[in-house]
Amino acid sequence: MNPFTHRIRGFRLLDLVGVGVLVTIILGVYLAKTFAGRERADIAAAERQIDGEKARIRLLEAEVAHLEQPGRIERLSVAYLGLKPVSAKNEASLDQLAVIARNGPPQKAVAPSAVAALVDGAGSVPGVPPPPPAASAPVRLAEARPEIKP
């Protein structure tokens, strides 16, 4: 019995083995392409997410650049903190530097704490927002109820 000439239901055994190998190869290629397509879709989704994050980073960097503008910071410091440019009387000359170095830095004034100011009854403390207004009775909207007359 030669495997090249042996017949099963009219087909040579070699032909049946060849068809089986061909079907197996076709199925393998189909599965490989399917898995590659899924991977390609996952990679595309990750790239879209990366592009979105890069756009968000550029937007945040632009916002930081706007917020860090020296002119804007100066306007805010004058408006909200009451800061002003250093006056000439606050600057030391070369002769005064030696005296300052011998005496050490001047004593700093104690900044008022918000809690101490509230306990002492001060109306407001610089740099601390005022407390919210006292809660009043809630406003009720009119309710429409049908009146039943007996």
Protein backbone atom coordinates (compact mmCIF):
# COMPACT_ATOMS: atom_id res chain seq x y z
CA MET A 1 0.00 0.00 0.00
CA ASN A 2 1.67 3.13 -1.25
CA PRO A 3 0.55 6.39 0.50
CA PHE A 4 0.82 8.24 -2.82
CA THR A 5 -1.62 5.93 -4.58
CA HIS A 6 -3.88 4.78 -1.73
CA ARG A 7 -7.46 6.01 -2.25
CA ILE A 8 -10.10 6.83 0.34
CA ARG A 9 -13.62 7.24 -1.10
CA GLY A 10 -12.16 8.11 -4.46
CA PHE A 11 -9.52 10.60 -3.28
CA ARG A 12 -5.84 9.92 -2.91
CA LEU A 13 -4.59 10.08 0.64
CA LEU A 14 -1.93 12.61 -0.40
CA ASP A 15 -4.65 14.91 -1.79
CA LEU A 16 -6.62 14.75 1.47
CA VAL A 17 -3.52 15.54 3.55
CA GLY A 18 -2.71 18.46 1.22
CA VAL A 19 -6.25 19.87 1.55
CA GLY A 20 -6.03 19.51 5.34
CA VAL A 21 -2.69 21.35 5.47
CA LEU A 22 -4.10 24.05 3.14
CA VAL A 23 -7.18 24.55 5.36
CA THR A 24 -4.95 24.73 8.44
CA ILE A 25 -2.73 27.36 6.79
CA ILE A 26 -5.76 29.42 5.67
CA LEU A 27 -7.23 29.30 9.18
CA GLY A 28 -3.87 30.31 10.71
CA VAL A 29 -3.49 33.28 8.34
CA TYR A 30 -7.07 34.38 9.04
CA LEU A 31 -6.53 34.26 12.82
CA ALA A 32 -3.19 36.10 12.53
CA LYS A 33 -4.82 38.89 10.49
CA THR A 34 -7.69 39.14 12.97
CA PHE A 35 -5.34 39.46 15.95
CA ALA A 36 -3.17 41.96 14.05
CA GLY A 37 -6.28 44.04 13.28
CA ARG A 38 -7.20 44.15 16.95
CA GLU A 39 -3.67 45.17 17.88
CA ARG A 40 -3.72 47.86 15.20
CA ALA A 41 -6.98 49.25 16.61
CA ASP A 42 -5.53 49.25 20.15
CA ILE A 43 -2.41 51.04 18.93
CA ALA A 44 -4.50 53.63 17.08
CA ALA A 45 -6.58 54.26 20.21
CA ALA A 46 -3.43 54.69 22.31
CA GLU A 47 -1.98 57.10 19.72
CA ARG A 48 -5.21 59.13 19.74
CA GLN A 49 -5.04 59.29 23.53
CA ILE A 50 -1.39 60.39 23.38
CA ASP A 51 -2.27 63.11 20.85
CA GLY A 52 -5.09 64.31 23.10
CA GLU A 53 -2.76 64.42 26.10
CA LYS A 54 -0.15 66.32 24.10
CA ALA A 55 -2.79 68.87 23.10
CA ARG A 56 -3.83 69.21 26.73
CA ILE A 57 -0.20 69.69 27.77
CA ARG A 58 0.22 72.46 25.17
CA LEU A 59 -2.96 74.10 26.46
CA LEU A 60 -1.77 73.93 30.07
CA GLU A 61 1.66 75.30 29.12
CA ALA A 62 -0.04 78.22 27.37
CA GLU A 63 -2.18 78.83 30.45
CA VAL A 64 0.89 78.76 32.71
CA ALA A 65 2.67 81.20 30.38
CA HIS A 66 -0.32 83.53 30.64
CA LEU A 67 -0.57 83.22 34.42
CA GLU A 68 3.17 83.82 34.91
CA GLN A 69 3.31 87.09 32.95
CA PRO A 70 5.13 89.63 35.13
CA GLY A 71 2.70 92.41 34.27
CA ARG A 72 -0.27 90.32 35.35
CA ILE A 73 1.41 89.29 38.61
CA GLU A 74 2.29 92.92 39.32
CA ARG A 75 -1.31 94.06 38.72
CA LEU A 76 -2.65 91.33 41.00
CA SER A 77 -0.12 92.04 43.74
CA VAL A 78 -1.08 95.73 43.73
CA ALA A 79 -4.82 95.08 43.55
CA TYR A 80 -5.16 92.24 46.07
CA LEU A 81 -2.10 92.37 48.31
CA GLY A 82 -1.40 96.08 48.30
CA LEU A 83 2.24 95.53 47.33
CA LYS A 84 4.20 98.40 45.80
CA PRO A 85 7.62 98.72 44.21
CA VAL A 86 10.46 99.12 46.69
CA SER A 87 11.04 102.77 47.49
CA ALA A 88 14.49 104.34 47.60
CA LYS A 89 14.35 104.73 51.40
CA ASN A 90 14.15 100.94 51.75
CA GLU A 91 17.32 100.38 49.77
CA ALA A 92 20.69 100.32 51.53
CA SER A 93 23.78 102.16 50.32
CA LEU A 94 27.28 100.71 50.44
CA ASP A 95 28.04 102.58 53.67
CA GLN A 96 24.94 101.20 55.38
CA LEU A 97 25.74 97.60 54.42
CA ALA A 98 28.62 97.44 56.90
CA VAL A 99 26.38 98.69 59.71
CA ILE A 100 23.66 96.21 58.77
CA ALA A 101 26.20 93.38 58.67
CA ARG A 102 27.44 94.23 62.19
CA ASN A 103 23.98 94.64 63.71
CA GLY A 104 22.35 91.74 61.90
CA PRO A 105 19.02 91.82 60.12
CA PRO A 106 16.26 93.98 61.59
CA GLN A 107 13.64 92.32 63.75
CA LYS A 108 10.57 91.35 61.82
CA ALA A 109 7.17 92.48 62.94
CA VAL A 110 4.84 89.69 63.94
CA ALA A 111 2.18 89.22 61.32
CA PRO A 112 -1.34 89.06 62.73
CA SER A 113 -2.82 85.60 62.58
CA ALA A 114 -6.33 85.18 61.33
CA VAL A 115 -7.41 83.34 64.48
CA ALA A 116 -5.95 85.99 66.81
CA ALA A 117 -7.62 88.77 64.84
CA LEU A 118 -10.98 87.04 65.02
CA VAL A 119 -10.59 86.46 68.77
CA ASP A 120 -9.59 90.10 69.34
CA GLY A 121 -12.64 91.23 67.39
CA ALA A 122 -10.84 92.81 64.46
CA GLY A 123 -13.11 93.29 61.49
CA SER A 124 -10.78 91.86 58.87
CA VAL A 125 -7.28 90.52 58.45
CA PRO A 126 -5.17 91.36 55.39
CA GLY A 127 -4.89 88.41 53.05
CA VAL A 128 -7.79 86.53 54.63
CA PRO A 129 -11.18 86.63 52.92
CA PRO A 130 -14.08 87.86 55.03
CA PRO A 131 -16.39 85.26 56.53
CA PRO A 132 -19.57 84.43 54.64
CA PRO A 133 -22.68 86.42 55.57
CA ALA A 134 -24.88 85.07 58.32
CA ALA A 135 -27.36 82.52 57.12
CA SER A 136 -30.85 83.90 56.80
CA ALA A 137 -34.11 82.06 56.52
CA PRO A 138 -34.32 80.19 53.23
CA VAL A 139 -36.51 81.71 50.58
CA ARG A 140 -39.40 79.44 49.71
CA LEU A 141 -41.05 79.52 46.37
CA ALA A 142 -44.82 79.75 46.29
CA GLU A 143 -46.46 76.40 46.17
CA ALA A 144 -49.65 76.04 44.21
CA ARG A 145 -52.12 73.95 46.18
CA PRO A 146 -55.70 73.70 45.24
CA GLU A 147 -57.89 74.87 48.08
CA ILE A 148 -60.78 72.61 48.92
CA LYS A 149 -63.77 74.46 50.30
CA PRO A 150 -66.09 72.41 52.47
